[in-house]
Amino acid sequence: MDKRILIILFVVPFLVFWHWFEPAAQKNGQGIASFHAGEFDEALKQFLSAKGFKPELAALKSNTAAALYKMKKFKEAFDEFSSIDPEKMNIPKSDFYYNLGNSFYRLEQLDKALDSYKKALLENPTDINAKKNFELTLNKIQQQKQKQDDKNQDKDQKEQEKDEQQQQQKQKKHENVMQYLNQKEQKQMKEKKRQMGVARNEKDW
């Protein structure tokens, strides 16, 4: 799964009116270059700087999230992705949902990851990476469910064994009580027989 958890970056120009010489475009380009060089700290710095010029631009938010993701700051990356309105963005929705699915996956929110990959595939049915991640996430969910079922079964078996032990202890306790009562009854019967067998002393007149 890890080899397929890839983040998609958005290059410039992604808007007709965003020219290469604009500060945001330049910072974004530098960030992408640093990103591909594996310098994710520097990439994040450039993307944040670009966002300073165009804070609401979805592509910059997505690239910022990509850098955070690569730095293993998955919660921060998810928060950044979640701030994007897919209905108003000028980036492919399939890529957006794919990246969002990856963030959900890293946060162990597998059901939501699965739903995001599904949305990515509905937008772009030919997205092979989204399809692979969908299948692998589904398999992981099924494996976790199987483990939980096995755990519950083992727990039920242990609970059953515990109940049986408690029943045996109760039965043994009852048997001990009955044995005690029987012994006491036998002792009382012997005492009674002795009393009945004692001869009375006759008085001399």
C-alpha atoms as a PDB file:
ATOM      1  CA  MET A   1       0.000   0.000   0.000  1.00  0.00           C
ATOM      2  CA  ASP A   2       2.715   2.464   0.906  1.00  0.00           C
ATOM      3  CA  LYS A   3       4.253   2.322  -2.553  1.00  0.00           C
ATOM      4  CA  ARG A   4       0.938   3.403  -4.071  1.00  0.00           C
ATOM      5  CA  ILE A   5       0.133   6.138  -1.560  1.00  0.00           C
ATOM      6  CA  LEU A   6       1.317   8.955  -3.786  1.00  0.00           C
ATOM      7  CA  ILE A   7       0.387  12.607  -3.580  1.00  0.00           C
ATOM      8  CA  ILE A   8      -0.448  14.524  -6.724  1.00  0.00           C
ATOM      9  CA  LEU A   9       1.006  18.016  -7.138  1.00  0.00           C
ATOM     10  CA  PHE A  10      -0.528  20.752  -9.257  1.00  0.00           C
ATOM     11  CA  VAL A  11       1.863  22.615 -11.517  1.00  0.00           C
ATOM     12  CA  VAL A  12       1.675  26.094 -12.997  1.00  0.00           C
ATOM     13  CA  PRO A  13       0.046  27.619 -14.782  1.00  0.00           C
ATOM     14  CA  PHE A  14      -3.224  25.969 -13.749  1.00  0.00           C
ATOM     15  CA  LEU A  15      -5.266  29.112 -14.325  1.00  0.00           C
ATOM     16  CA  VAL A  16      -5.252  31.072 -17.554  1.00  0.00           C
ATOM     17  CA  PHE A  17      -4.834  34.381 -15.713  1.00  0.00           C
ATOM     18  CA  TRP A  18      -2.025  33.130 -13.451  1.00  0.00           C
ATOM     19  CA  HIS A  19       1.154  34.073 -15.305  1.00  0.00           C
ATOM     20  CA  TRP A  20       4.528  32.531 -14.675  1.00  0.00           C
ATOM     21  CA  PHE A  21       5.986  35.823 -13.393  1.00  0.00           C
ATOM     22  CA  GLU A  22       3.425  36.244 -10.612  1.00  0.00           C
ATOM     23  CA  PRO A  23       4.909  35.760  -7.101  1.00  0.00           C
ATOM     24  CA  ALA A  24       2.472  32.974  -6.215  1.00  0.00           C
ATOM     25  CA  ALA A  25       3.267  31.117  -9.417  1.00  0.00           C
ATOM     26  CA  GLN A  26       7.007  31.496  -8.866  1.00  0.00           C
ATOM     27  CA  LYS A  27       6.802  30.307  -5.254  1.00  0.00           C
ATOM     28  CA  ASN A  28       4.633  27.377  -6.286  1.00  0.00           C
ATOM     29  CA  GLY A  29       7.099  26.423  -9.017  1.00  0.00           C
ATOM     30  CA  GLN A  30      10.017  26.572  -6.588  1.00  0.00           C
ATOM     31  CA  GLY A  31       8.032  24.497  -4.117  1.00  0.00           C
ATOM     32  CA  ILE A  32       7.352  21.833  -6.716  1.00  0.00           C
ATOM     33  CA  ALA A  33      11.046  21.712  -7.658  1.00  0.00           C
ATOM     34  CA  SER A  34      12.002  21.277  -3.986  1.00  0.00           C
ATOM     35  CA  PHE A  35       9.282  18.658  -3.578  1.00  0.00           C
ATOM     36  CA  HIS A  36      10.604  16.530  -6.422  1.00  0.00           C
ATOM     37  CA  ALA A  37      14.128  16.936  -4.999  1.00  0.00           C
ATOM     38  CA  GLY A  38      12.902  15.426  -1.746  1.00  0.00           C
ATOM     39  CA  GLU A  39      13.323  18.710   0.136  1.00  0.00           C
ATOM     40  CA  PHE A  40       9.869  18.703   1.663  1.00  0.00           C
ATOM     41  CA  ASP A  41      10.604  21.286   4.367  1.00  0.00           C
ATOM     42  CA  GLU A  42      11.672  23.786   1.704  1.00  0.00           C
ATOM     43  CA  ALA A  43       8.725  22.815  -0.506  1.00  0.00           C
ATOM     44  CA  LEU A  44       6.325  23.499   2.351  1.00  0.00           C
ATOM     45  CA  LYS A  45       7.977  26.861   2.955  1.00  0.00           C
ATOM     46  CA  GLN A  46       7.518  27.867  -0.702  1.00  0.00           C
ATOM     47  CA  PHE A  47       3.912  26.644  -0.871  1.00  0.00           C
ATOM     48  CA  LEU A  48       3.020  28.551   2.290  1.00  0.00           C
ATOM     49  CA  SER A  49       4.681  31.629   0.845  1.00  0.00           C
ATOM     50  CA  ALA A  50       2.645  31.237  -2.355  1.00  0.00           C
ATOM     51  CA  LYS A  51      -0.511  30.880  -0.255  1.00  0.00           C
ATOM     52  CA  GLY A  52       0.304  34.231   1.285  1.00  0.00           C
ATOM     53  CA  PHE A  53      -0.440  35.775  -2.102  1.00  0.00           C
ATOM     54  CA  LYS A  54      -3.426  33.576  -2.998  1.00  0.00           C
ATOM     55  CA  PRO A  55      -4.659  31.947   0.233  1.00  0.00           C
ATOM     56  CA  GLU A  56      -7.897  30.565  -1.201  1.00  0.00           C
ATOM     57  CA  LEU A  57      -6.412  28.916  -4.276  1.00  0.00           C
ATOM     58  CA  ALA A  58      -7.242  25.193  -4.130  1.00  0.00           C
ATOM     59  CA  ALA A  59      -4.096  24.081  -5.980  1.00  0.00           C
ATOM     60  CA  LEU A  60      -1.856  25.819  -3.440  1.00  0.00           C
ATOM     61  CA  LYS A  61      -3.787  24.285  -0.564  1.00  0.00           C
ATOM     62  CA  SER A  62      -3.413  20.880  -2.168  1.00  0.00           C
ATOM     63  CA  ASN A  63       0.328  21.333  -2.749  1.00  0.00           C
ATOM     64  CA  THR A  64       0.772  22.509   0.844  1.00  0.00           C
ATOM     65  CA  ALA A  65      -1.056  19.399   2.009  1.00  0.00           C
ATOM     66  CA  ALA A  66       1.184  17.275  -0.231  1.00  0.00           C
ATOM     67  CA  ALA A  67       4.315  18.613   1.445  1.00  0.00           C
ATOM     68  CA  LEU A  68       2.824  18.075   4.905  1.00  0.00           C
ATOM     69  CA  TYR A  69       1.888  14.545   3.877  1.00  0.00           C
ATOM     70  CA  LYS A  70       5.438  13.765   2.779  1.00  0.00           C
ATOM     71  CA  MET A  71       6.680  15.104   6.107  1.00  0.00           C
ATOM     72  CA  LYS A  72       4.366  12.532   7.756  1.00  0.00           C
ATOM     73  CA  LYS A  73       2.230  15.279   9.244  1.00  0.00           C
ATOM     74  CA  PHE A  74      -0.877  13.426   8.176  1.00  0.00           C
ATOM     75  CA  LYS A  75      -3.351  15.228  10.431  1.00  0.00           C
ATOM     76  CA  GLU A  76      -2.164  18.642   9.198  1.00  0.00           C
ATOM     77  CA  ALA A  77      -2.255  17.398   5.604  1.00  0.00           C
ATOM     78  CA  PHE A  78      -5.803  16.154   6.088  1.00  0.00           C
ATOM     79  CA  ASP A  79      -6.876  19.480   7.581  1.00  0.00           C
ATOM     80  CA  GLU A  80      -5.425  21.283   4.557  1.00  0.00           C
ATOM     81  CA  PHE A  81      -7.124  18.946   2.087  1.00  0.00           C
ATOM     82  CA  SER A  82     -10.405  19.280   3.973  1.00  0.00           C
ATOM     83  CA  SER A  83     -10.328  23.066   3.598  1.00  0.00           C
ATOM     84  CA  ILE A  84     -10.689  22.682  -0.175  1.00  0.00           C
ATOM     85  CA  ASP A  85     -14.171  23.001  -1.653  1.00  0.00           C
ATOM     86  CA  PRO A  86     -14.228  20.440  -4.476  1.00  0.00           C
ATOM     87  CA  GLU A  87     -17.185  22.220  -6.098  1.00  0.00           C
ATOM     88  CA  LYS A  88     -15.241  25.473  -6.487  1.00  0.00           C
ATOM     89  CA  MET A  89     -11.736  24.235  -7.237  1.00  0.00           C
ATOM     90  CA  ASN A  90      -9.961  24.459 -10.578  1.00  0.00           C
ATOM     91  CA  ILE A  91      -8.109  21.170 -10.174  1.00  0.00           C
ATOM     92  CA  PRO A  92      -9.280  17.682 -11.191  1.00  0.00           C
ATOM     93  CA  LYS A  93     -11.760  16.339  -8.664  1.00  0.00           C
ATOM     94  CA  SER A  94     -10.433  12.818  -9.169  1.00  0.00           C
ATOM     95  CA  ASP A  95      -6.983  13.945  -7.993  1.00  0.00           C
ATOM     96  CA  PHE A  96      -8.472  15.823  -5.054  1.00  0.00           C
ATOM     97  CA  TYR A  97     -10.429  12.791  -3.841  1.00  0.00           C
ATOM     98  CA  TYR A  98      -7.427  10.541  -4.424  1.00  0.00           C
ATOM     99  CA  ASN A  99      -5.223  12.725  -2.209  1.00  0.00           C
ATOM    100  CA  LEU A 100      -7.971  13.017   0.397  1.00  0.00           C
ATOM    101  CA  GLY A 101      -8.305   9.227   0.410  1.00  0.00           C
ATOM    102  CA  ASN A 102      -4.586   8.867   1.052  1.00  0.00           C
ATOM    103  CA  SER A 103      -4.846  11.190   4.052  1.00  0.00           C
ATOM    104  CA  PHE A 104      -7.790   9.254   5.456  1.00  0.00           C
ATOM    105  CA  TYR A 105      -5.814   6.048   4.979  1.00  0.00           C
ATOM    106  CA  ARG A 106      -2.839   7.372   6.938  1.00  0.00           C
ATOM    107  CA  LEU A 107      -5.178   8.400   9.744  1.00  0.00           C
ATOM    108  CA  GLU A 108      -6.556   4.831   9.847  1.00  0.00           C
ATOM    109  CA  GLN A 109      -9.997   6.068   8.803  1.00  0.00           C
ATOM    110  CA  LEU A 110     -10.322   3.306   6.262  1.00  0.00           C
ATOM    111  CA  ASP A 111     -14.053   3.585   5.566  1.00  0.00           C
ATOM    112  CA  LYS A 112     -13.657   7.261   4.673  1.00  0.00           C
ATOM    113  CA  ALA A 113     -10.556   6.476   2.613  1.00  0.00           C
ATOM    114  CA  LEU A 114     -12.534   3.871   0.704  1.00  0.00           C
ATOM    115  CA  ASP A 115     -15.316   6.372   0.067  1.00  0.00           C
ATOM    116  CA  SER A 116     -12.819   8.972  -1.199  1.00  0.00           C
ATOM    117  CA  TYR A 117     -11.192   6.502  -3.601  1.00  0.00           C
ATOM    118  CA  LYS A 118     -14.647   5.585  -4.839  1.00  0.00           C
ATOM    119  CA  LYS A 119     -15.407   9.250  -5.555  1.00  0.00           C
ATOM    120  CA  ALA A 120     -12.079   9.551  -7.379  1.00  0.00           C
ATOM    121  CA  LEU A 121     -13.005   6.590  -9.571  1.00  0.00           C
ATOM    122  CA  LEU A 122     -16.458   7.997 -10.291  1.00  0.00           C
ATOM    123  CA  GLU A 123     -14.743  11.164 -11.531  1.00  0.00           C
ATOM    124  CA  ASN A 124     -12.101   9.222 -13.452  1.00  0.00           C
ATOM    125  CA  PRO A 125     -12.777   5.485 -13.919  1.00  0.00           C
ATOM    126  CA  THR A 126      -9.377   5.029 -15.616  1.00  0.00           C
ATOM    127  CA  ASP A 127      -7.397   6.137 -12.526  1.00  0.00           C
ATOM    128  CA  ILE A 128      -5.327   2.992 -11.921  1.00  0.00           C
ATOM    129  CA  ASN A 129      -3.757   4.207  -8.682  1.00  0.00           C
ATOM    130  CA  ALA A 130      -7.159   5.063  -7.198  1.00  0.00           C
ATOM    131  CA  LYS A 131      -8.437   1.629  -8.221  1.00  0.00           C
ATOM    132  CA  LYS A 132      -5.467  -0.143  -6.623  1.00  0.00           C
ATOM    133  CA  ASN A 133      -5.787   1.869  -3.425  1.00  0.00           C
ATOM    134  CA  PHE A 134      -9.519   1.193  -3.334  1.00  0.00           C
ATOM    135  CA  GLU A 135      -8.923  -2.553  -3.615  1.00  0.00           C
ATOM    136  CA  LEU A 136      -6.095  -2.607  -1.081  1.00  0.00           C
ATOM    137  CA  THR A 137      -8.047  -0.503   1.403  1.00  0.00           C
ATOM    138  CA  LEU A 138     -11.041  -2.798   1.003  1.00  0.00           C
ATOM    139  CA  ASN A 139      -8.807  -5.811   1.642  1.00  0.00           C
ATOM    140  CA  LYS A 140      -7.382  -4.195   4.766  1.00  0.00           C
ATOM    141  CA  ILE A 141     -10.884  -3.465   6.072  1.00  0.00           C
ATOM    142  CA  GLN A 142     -11.857  -7.092   5.477  1.00  0.00           C
ATOM    143  CA  GLN A 143      -8.697  -8.336   7.205  1.00  0.00           C
ATOM    144  CA  GLN A 144      -9.359  -6.121  10.210  1.00  0.00           C
ATOM    145  CA  LYS A 145     -12.947  -7.350  10.353  1.00  0.00           C
ATOM    146  CA  GLN A 146     -11.755 -10.953  10.242  1.00  0.00           C
ATOM    147  CA  LYS A 147      -9.256 -10.303  13.030  1.00  0.00           C
ATOM    148  CA  GLN A 148     -11.978  -8.669  15.104  1.00  0.00           C
ATOM    149  CA  ASP A 149     -14.316 -11.603  14.469  1.00  0.00           C
ATOM    150  CA  ASP A 150     -11.579 -14.025  15.524  1.00  0.00           C
ATOM    151  CA  LYS A 151     -10.887 -11.909  18.590  1.00  0.00           C
ATOM    152  CA  ASN A 152     -14.572 -11.844  19.499  1.00  0.00           C
ATOM    153  CA  GLN A 153     -14.804 -15.579  18.990  1.00  0.00           C
ATOM    154  CA  ASP A 154     -11.780 -16.124  21.206  1.00  0.00           C
ATOM    155  CA  LYS A 155     -13.287 -13.767  23.768  1.00  0.00           C
ATOM    156  CA  ASP A 156     -16.595 -15.625  23.644  1.00  0.00           C
ATOM    157  CA  GLN A 157     -14.776 -18.922  24.132  1.00  0.00           C
ATOM    158  CA  LYS A 158     -12.869 -17.532  27.105  1.00  0.00           C
ATOM    159  CA  GLU A 159     -16.089 -16.145  28.576  1.00  0.00           C
ATOM    160  CA  GLN A 160     -17.719 -19.539  28.104  1.00  0.00           C
ATOM    161  CA  GLU A 161     -14.803 -21.278  29.812  1.00  0.00           C
ATOM    162  CA  LYS A 162     -14.980 -18.745  32.623  1.00  0.00           C
ATOM    163  CA  ASP A 163     -18.716 -19.375  33.037  1.00  0.00           C
ATOM    164  CA  GLU A 164     -18.121 -23.109  33.114  1.00  0.00           C
ATOM    165  CA  GLN A 165     -15.441 -22.689  35.785  1.00  0.00           C
ATOM    166  CA  GLN A 166     -17.779 -20.538  37.847  1.00  0.00           C
ATOM    167  CA  GLN A 167     -20.527 -23.132  37.500  1.00  0.00           C
ATOM    168  CA  GLN A 168     -18.128 -25.866  38.571  1.00  0.00           C
ATOM    169  CA  GLN A 169     -17.059 -23.798  41.573  1.00  0.00           C
ATOM    170  CA  LYS A 170     -20.679 -23.207  42.530  1.00  0.00           C
ATOM    171  CA  GLN A 171     -21.475 -26.898  42.109  1.00  0.00           C
ATOM    172  CA  LYS A 172     -18.497 -27.853  44.251  1.00  0.00           C
ATOM    173  CA  LYS A 173     -19.590 -25.331  46.877  1.00  0.00           C
ATOM    174  CA  HIS A 174     -23.080 -26.810  46.905  1.00  0.00           C
ATOM    175  CA  GLU A 175     -21.642 -30.299  47.202  1.00  0.00           C
ATOM    176  CA  ASN A 176     -19.482 -29.188  50.140  1.00  0.00           C
ATOM    177  CA  VAL A 177     -22.538 -27.699  51.859  1.00  0.00           C
ATOM    178  CA  MET A 178     -24.521 -30.893  51.300  1.00  0.00           C
ATOM    179  CA  GLN A 179     -21.647 -32.969  52.591  1.00  0.00           C
ATOM    180  CA  TYR A 180     -21.441 -30.797  55.691  1.00  0.00           C
ATOM    181  CA  LEU A 181     -25.177 -31.073  56.294  1.00  0.00           C
ATOM    182  CA  ASN A 182     -25.106 -34.829  55.824  1.00  0.00           C
ATOM    183  CA  GLN A 183     -22.240 -35.167  58.262  1.00  0.00           C
ATOM    184  CA  LYS A 184     -24.058 -32.972  60.772  1.00  0.00           C
ATOM    185  CA  GLU A 185     -27.246 -34.962  60.339  1.00  0.00           C
ATOM    186  CA  GLN A 186     -25.391 -38.241  60.848  1.00  0.00           C
ATOM    187  CA  LYS A 187     -23.766 -36.840  63.963  1.00  0.00           C
ATOM    188  CA  GLN A 188     -27.134 -35.728  65.318  1.00  0.00           C
ATOM    189  CA  MET A 189     -28.628 -39.179  64.616  1.00  0.00           C
ATOM    190  CA  LYS A 190     -25.793 -40.889  66.477  1.00  0.00           C
ATOM    191  CA  GLU A 191     -26.210 -38.508  69.395  1.00  0.00           C
ATOM    192  CA  LYS A 192     -29.919 -39.203  69.491  1.00  0.00           C
ATOM    193  CA  LYS A 193     -29.355 -42.951  69.456  1.00  0.00           C
ATOM    194  CA  ARG A 194     -26.937 -42.685  72.352  1.00  0.00           C
ATOM    195  CA  GLN A 195     -29.455 -40.717  74.370  1.00  0.00           C
ATOM    196  CA  MET A 196     -32.138 -43.300  73.718  1.00  0.00           C
ATOM    197  CA  GLY A 197     -29.836 -46.184  74.673  1.00  0.00           C
ATOM    198  CA  VAL A 198     -28.830 -44.814  78.098  1.00  0.00           C
ATOM    199  CA  ALA A 199     -30.520 -46.786  80.979  1.00  0.00           C
ATOM    200  CA  ARG A 200     -32.368 -44.772  83.552  1.00  0.00           C
ATOM    201  CA  ASN A 201     -31.192 -45.168  87.165  1.00  0.00           C
ATOM    202  CA  GLU A 202     -33.972 -46.488  89.407  1.00  0.00           C
ATOM    203  CA  LYS A 203     -34.470 -44.860  92.790  1.00  0.00           C
ATOM    204  CA  ASP A 204     -34.223 -46.960  95.938  1.00  0.00           C
ATOM    205  CA  TRP A 205     -37.274 -46.827  98.115  1.00  0.00           C
END
